[in-house]
Amino acid sequence: MAEIIRVEDLTYIYNQGMPDETVALDHVSFGVQQGDFVGIIGSTGSGKSTLITHFNGINRPTSGKIYIGGEDMWADPKQIRKFRFQVGLVFQYPEYQLFEETCYADIAFGPKNMGLSPEEVDRRVKFAAGFVGISEEILKKSPFELSGGQKRRVAIAGVMAMEPKILVLDEPAAGLDPEGREMILQQVKEYHRRTGTTVLLVSHSMEDIANYADKVLVMDNARVAMYAETAKIFAEAPHLLELGLSVPQVTKIFIRLREMGLDIPQDVYTVPYAVKTILAARKNAEKGVL
């Protein structure tokens, strides 16, 4: 699979040259394959939010390079708008960015700015709205008449309607109740599965990352601390805890069971995996293996 994002020696300094200058990213390098679903985790101030704002040109590197689809984003600053159409960024609490008179108009805003025909804009609006569970009736309403979860889905649909090659989401389920949280994340995962779009998901919830991401990038102190498949990252649960991060509750249970002397793996990070592991351990015990 081709590499769609390549970050090389990326450094970003806030207020450079000022007394309060802060290094937010310190020589960060990694790559993302086309079609990956990457979870990005890290404690507050680790650099993860600053990192994702570089992917569609909101921030420009102090030094280092970012390649999208093999192209250097900043080789020609006049072309940066092209990359902003390729990388859709959903900020935390995106519903605060809704401003049009109807939900339809809000979702259509991005595609219209891309210069698409009215027919193509209409197709994209209806496709994206259907994906996130927004009915035609709701499309006619003002976004300010909707519930918090519905507003969130409209805002995400507005980015999906631009059909970016890369979808970046910063805590997309923040502040929602468990049902709303599950709905949003399931819809993002289904969008990823059906479209093949590369997805980067920033979340403080280890359960969310464990359940949805195929790979995990761990940021710590402005640098990449770990980057690997999800199972390998959570197999290093003690290291994650040392970095001040949490791990899924089910992982904590299995760590404790290992400490009690049970010969079971510690890379368990989802409930289905936990059930499978326990059944396998029980079967082995019945055979006298344990």
Protein backbone atom coordinates (compact mmCIF):
# COMPACT_ATOMS: atom_id res chain seq x y z
CA MET A 1 0.00 0.00 0.00
CA ALA A 2 1.29 3.45 -0.93
CA GLU A 3 2.28 5.97 1.70
CA ILE A 4 -0.17 8.88 1.79
CA ILE A 5 1.42 10.92 4.61
CA ARG A 6 5.14 11.30 5.23
CA VAL A 7 6.38 13.50 8.06
CA GLU A 8 10.13 14.18 8.04
CA ASP A 9 11.96 15.81 10.94
CA LEU A 10 8.99 18.09 11.68
CA THR A 11 9.60 20.77 14.29
CA TYR A 12 7.11 23.44 15.28
CA ILE A 13 7.84 26.25 17.75
CA TYR A 14 5.16 28.56 19.11
CA ASN A 15 6.25 32.20 19.57
CA GLN A 16 9.73 31.52 18.23
CA GLY A 17 12.26 34.05 19.45
CA MET A 18 9.98 35.28 22.23
CA PRO A 19 10.53 34.74 25.98
CA ASP A 20 7.62 32.28 26.04
CA GLU A 21 8.67 30.25 22.99
CA THR A 22 7.51 26.64 23.22
CA VAL A 23 8.64 23.63 21.21
CA ALA A 24 5.37 21.85 20.41
CA LEU A 25 6.86 19.33 17.96
CA ASP A 26 10.47 18.23 18.18
CA HIS A 27 11.95 16.45 15.12
CA VAL A 28 8.91 14.24 14.49
CA SER A 29 9.11 11.64 11.71
CA PHE A 30 6.66 8.89 10.66
CA GLY A 31 4.54 7.70 7.74
CA VAL A 32 0.93 6.68 7.22
CA GLN A 33 -0.13 4.18 4.58
CA GLN A 34 -3.11 4.86 2.35
CA GLY A 35 -6.25 3.39 3.93
CA ASP A 36 -4.83 3.18 7.47
CA PHE A 37 -6.97 4.01 10.51
CA VAL A 38 -4.48 5.55 12.94
CA GLY A 39 -5.27 6.48 16.53
CA ILE A 40 -3.21 9.34 17.99
CA ILE A 41 -2.82 9.45 21.75
CA GLY A 42 -0.75 11.41 24.24
CA SER A 43 -1.08 13.35 27.45
CA THR A 44 -2.11 17.02 27.44
CA GLY A 45 0.68 19.10 25.90
CA SER A 46 2.28 16.13 24.14
CA GLY A 47 1.92 17.74 20.71
CA LYS A 48 -0.85 15.65 19.14
CA SER A 49 -3.25 18.53 18.42
CA THR A 50 -0.45 20.68 16.99
CA LEU A 51 0.60 17.76 14.82
CA ILE A 52 -2.76 17.28 13.13
CA THR A 53 -3.13 20.99 12.30
CA HIS A 54 -0.10 20.62 10.04
CA PHE A 55 -1.81 18.11 7.75
CA ASN A 56 -4.03 20.66 6.03
CA GLY A 57 -1.77 23.67 6.35
CA ILE A 58 -3.28 25.47 9.33
CA ASN A 59 0.22 25.52 10.80
CA ARG A 60 3.40 25.66 8.74
CA PRO A 61 6.46 23.74 9.98
CA THR A 62 9.20 25.74 11.67
CA SER A 63 11.46 23.15 10.06
CA GLY A 64 11.08 19.75 8.44
CA LYS A 65 8.69 18.60 5.73
CA ILE A 66 5.26 17.06 5.27
CA TYR A 67 4.34 15.11 2.16
CA ILE A 68 0.73 14.37 1.20
CA GLY A 69 0.39 11.81 -1.57
CA GLY A 70 4.11 12.17 -2.26
CA GLU A 71 3.94 15.96 -2.70
CA ASP A 72 5.75 18.43 -0.44
CA MET A 73 2.94 20.55 1.04
CA TRP A 74 5.00 23.70 1.28
CA ALA A 75 7.13 23.43 -1.87
CA ASP A 76 4.85 26.12 -3.31
CA PRO A 77 2.84 27.96 -0.61
CA LYS A 78 0.44 29.22 -3.29
CA GLN A 79 -0.75 25.63 -3.76
CA ILE A 80 -1.63 25.00 -0.10
CA ARG A 81 -5.38 25.29 -0.84
CA LYS A 82 -5.11 22.08 -2.88
CA PHE A 83 -3.97 20.15 0.18
CA ARG A 84 -6.76 21.59 2.31
CA PHE A 85 -9.24 19.90 0.00
CA GLN A 86 -7.34 16.61 0.27
CA VAL A 87 -7.21 16.61 4.09
CA GLY A 88 -10.48 17.08 5.96
CA LEU A 89 -10.00 18.22 9.55
CA VAL A 90 -12.80 17.90 12.10
CA PHE A 91 -11.98 19.98 15.16
CA GLN A 92 -13.08 19.22 18.70
CA TYR A 93 -16.68 20.42 19.19
CA PRO A 94 -17.14 21.07 15.43
CA GLU A 95 -20.78 22.03 15.94
CA TYR A 96 -19.56 25.46 17.08
CA GLN A 97 -18.52 26.08 13.47
CA LEU A 98 -22.05 25.65 12.06
CA PHE A 99 -23.37 28.93 10.70
CA GLU A 100 -25.67 28.43 7.70
CA GLU A 101 -29.47 28.74 7.72
CA THR A 102 -30.03 25.05 7.04
CA CYS A 103 -28.15 21.83 7.66
CA TYR A 104 -28.11 21.24 3.89
CA ALA A 105 -26.36 24.56 3.30
CA ASP A 106 -23.82 23.85 6.04
CA ILE A 107 -22.89 20.46 4.58
CA ALA A 108 -22.79 21.98 1.08
CA PHE A 109 -20.46 24.82 2.06
CA GLY A 110 -17.20 22.92 1.52
CA PRO A 111 -18.14 21.25 -1.79
CA LYS A 112 -19.38 24.60 -3.15
CA ASN A 113 -16.03 26.19 -2.32
CA MET A 114 -14.38 23.43 -4.33
CA GLY A 115 -16.14 24.78 -7.42
CA LEU A 116 -18.23 21.67 -8.00
CA SER A 117 -21.41 21.65 -10.05
CA PRO A 118 -24.77 21.99 -8.22
CA GLU A 119 -25.56 18.38 -9.13
CA GLU A 120 -22.29 17.09 -7.66
CA VAL A 121 -22.73 19.24 -4.54
CA ASP A 122 -26.23 17.79 -4.08
CA ARG A 123 -24.95 14.23 -4.51
CA ARG A 124 -22.20 14.74 -1.96
CA VAL A 125 -24.48 16.41 0.58
CA LYS A 126 -27.00 13.56 0.43
CA PHE A 127 -24.30 10.89 0.51
CA ALA A 128 -22.55 12.38 3.55
CA ALA A 129 -25.82 13.11 5.34
CA GLY A 130 -26.99 9.55 4.81
CA PHE A 131 -23.71 8.23 6.13
CA VAL A 132 -24.07 10.01 9.47
CA GLY A 133 -27.80 9.40 9.83
CA ILE A 134 -29.11 12.85 8.92
CA SER A 135 -32.52 12.57 7.22
CA GLU A 136 -33.83 14.82 4.44
CA GLU A 137 -36.22 16.34 6.97
CA ILE A 138 -33.32 17.36 9.21
CA LEU A 139 -31.40 18.74 6.20
CA LYS A 140 -34.14 21.37 5.83
CA LYS A 141 -33.86 22.49 9.46
CA SER A 142 -31.61 25.10 10.99
CA PRO A 143 -28.64 23.40 12.67
CA PHE A 144 -29.45 25.41 15.79
CA GLU A 145 -32.69 23.46 16.22
CA LEU A 146 -30.83 20.18 16.61
CA SER A 147 -29.52 18.24 19.59
CA GLY A 148 -25.81 18.26 20.37
CA GLY A 149 -25.28 14.84 18.80
CA GLN A 150 -27.16 15.80 15.64
CA LYS A 151 -25.13 19.02 15.30
CA ARG A 152 -21.96 16.99 15.64
CA ARG A 153 -23.06 14.65 12.85
CA VAL A 154 -23.93 17.57 10.56
CA ALA A 155 -20.49 19.10 11.15
CA ILE A 156 -18.73 15.81 10.39
CA ALA A 157 -20.88 15.33 7.28
CA GLY A 158 -19.72 18.75 6.07
CA VAL A 159 -16.13 17.49 6.02
CA MET A 160 -17.05 14.08 4.58
CA ALA A 161 -18.92 15.81 1.73
CA MET A 162 -15.61 17.23 0.51
CA GLU A 163 -14.53 13.59 0.03
CA PRO A 164 -11.00 14.13 1.34
CA LYS A 165 -8.30 11.54 0.83
CA ILE A 166 -7.49 11.88 4.53
CA LEU A 167 -10.01 12.45 7.34
CA VAL A 168 -8.53 13.81 10.59
CA LEU A 169 -10.74 13.95 13.68
CA ASP A 170 -9.82 15.62 16.96
CA GLU A 171 -11.90 14.06 19.77
CA PRO A 172 -15.02 13.74 17.55
CA ALA A 173 -17.09 12.18 20.35
CA ALA A 174 -16.05 14.58 23.14
CA GLY A 175 -18.91 15.63 25.40
CA LEU A 176 -21.43 13.16 24.00
CA ASP A 177 -23.31 10.55 26.04
CA PRO A 178 -22.21 6.90 25.59
CA GLU A 179 -24.88 6.20 22.97
CA GLY A 180 -24.01 9.30 20.94
CA ARG A 181 -20.30 8.55 21.27
CA GLU A 182 -20.72 5.01 19.98
CA MET A 183 -22.88 6.19 17.07
CA ILE A 184 -20.36 8.79 15.88
CA LEU A 185 -17.39 6.43 16.07
CA GLN A 186 -19.25 3.55 14.40
CA GLN A 187 -20.19 5.89 11.56
CA VAL A 188 -16.58 7.02 11.15
CA LYS A 189 -15.40 3.40 11.11
CA GLU A 190 -18.04 2.44 8.53
CA TYR A 191 -17.06 5.45 6.40
CA HIS A 192 -13.45 4.26 6.56
CA ARG A 193 -14.43 0.71 5.64
CA ARG A 194 -16.64 1.67 2.70
CA THR A 195 -14.59 4.48 1.17
CA GLY A 196 -11.02 3.41 1.95
CA THR A 197 -10.30 6.93 3.20
CA THR A 198 -7.27 7.25 5.47
CA VAL A 199 -8.46 8.19 8.98
CA LEU A 200 -6.51 9.77 11.83
CA LEU A 201 -8.37 9.83 15.14
CA VAL A 202 -7.17 11.83 18.16
CA SER A 203 -8.75 10.63 21.40
CA HIS A 204 -8.14 10.59 25.14
CA SER A 205 -10.24 7.42 25.37
CA MET A 206 -8.08 4.32 25.25
CA GLU A 207 -11.24 2.24 24.71
CA ASP A 208 -12.05 4.23 21.56
CA ILE A 209 -8.54 3.81 20.19
CA ALA A 210 -8.52 0.10 21.05
CA ASN A 211 -11.88 -0.53 19.41
CA TYR A 212 -11.43 1.44 16.20
CA ALA A 213 -7.78 2.08 15.29
CA ASP A 214 -5.60 -0.36 13.35
CA LYS A 215 -2.40 1.48 14.32
CA VAL A 216 -1.54 3.82 17.17
CA LEU A 217 0.83 6.80 17.28
CA VAL A 218 1.84 7.76 20.82
CA MET A 219 3.06 11.33 21.37
CA ASP A 220 5.08 12.30 24.44
CA ASN A 221 6.87 15.56 25.17
CA ALA A 222 6.59 16.79 21.55
CA ARG A 223 8.05 13.58 20.10
CA VAL A 224 6.84 10.23 18.79
CA ALA A 225 7.21 7.78 21.67
CA MET A 226 5.70 4.72 19.99
CA TYR A 227 4.11 3.88 16.64
CA ALA A 228 2.88 0.42 15.69
CA GLU A 229 -0.15 -1.82 15.21
CA THR A 230 -2.73 -1.46 17.97
CA ALA A 231 -2.05 -4.87 19.50
CA LYS A 232 1.68 -4.14 19.75
CA ILE A 233 1.07 -0.78 21.42
CA PHE A 234 -1.22 -2.19 24.08
CA ALA A 235 1.17 -5.09 24.64
CA GLU A 236 3.41 -2.31 26.03
CA ALA A 237 0.74 -1.25 28.55
CA PRO A 238 3.26 -0.74 31.41
CA HIS A 239 5.20 1.70 29.17
CA LEU A 240 1.99 3.58 28.35
CA LEU A 241 1.27 3.91 32.07
CA GLU A 242 4.81 5.23 32.61
CA LEU A 243 4.06 7.92 30.02
CA GLY A 244 1.11 9.05 32.10
CA LEU A 245 -1.47 7.51 29.79
CA SER A 246 -4.29 5.21 30.66
CA VAL A 247 -5.04 1.84 29.05
CA PRO A 248 -8.38 0.12 28.45
CA GLN A 249 -9.97 -1.26 31.61
CA VAL A 250 -9.82 -4.79 30.21
CA THR A 251 -6.06 -4.39 29.72
CA LYS A 252 -5.64 -3.34 33.35
CA ILE A 253 -7.47 -6.49 34.42
CA PHE A 254 -5.17 -8.72 32.40
CA ILE A 255 -2.08 -6.95 33.72
CA ARG A 256 -3.33 -7.67 37.24
CA LEU A 257 -4.02 -11.31 36.37
CA ARG A 258 -0.45 -11.68 35.10
CA GLU A 259 0.84 -10.14 38.32
CA MET A 260 -1.14 -12.81 40.17
CA GLY A 261 0.80 -15.48 38.29
CA LEU A 262 -1.54 -16.44 35.47
CA ASP A 263 0.23 -17.23 32.20
CA ILE A 264 -1.87 -15.08 29.90
CA PRO A 265 -0.91 -12.40 27.33
CA GLN A 266 -0.90 -8.73 28.29
CA ASP A 267 -1.77 -7.37 24.85
CA VAL A 268 -5.51 -7.82 25.49
CA TYR A 269 -7.18 -4.52 24.68
CA THR A 270 -10.79 -5.26 23.70
CA VAL A 271 -13.56 -7.25 25.38
CA PRO A 272 -14.00 -9.71 22.45
CA TYR A 273 -10.25 -10.40 22.52
CA ALA A 274 -10.45 -10.86 26.30
CA VAL A 275 -13.25 -13.43 25.96
CA LYS A 276 -11.29 -15.32 23.29
CA THR A 277 -8.16 -15.30 25.47
CA ILE A 278 -10.00 -16.52 28.58
CA LEU A 279 -11.70 -19.34 26.65
CA ALA A 280 -8.35 -20.42 25.18
CA ALA A 281 -6.72 -20.34 28.64
CA ARG A 282 -9.59 -22.40 30.07
CA LYS A 283 -9.30 -24.94 27.26
CA ASN A 284 -5.56 -25.28 27.86
CA ALA A 285 -6.14 -25.67 31.60
CA GLU A 286 -8.60 -28.51 30.96
CA LYS A 287 -5.93 -30.21 28.87
CA GLY A 288 -3.50 -29.83 31.72
CA VAL A 289 -1.33 -27.33 29.87
CA LEU A 290 -1.64 -24.79 32.70
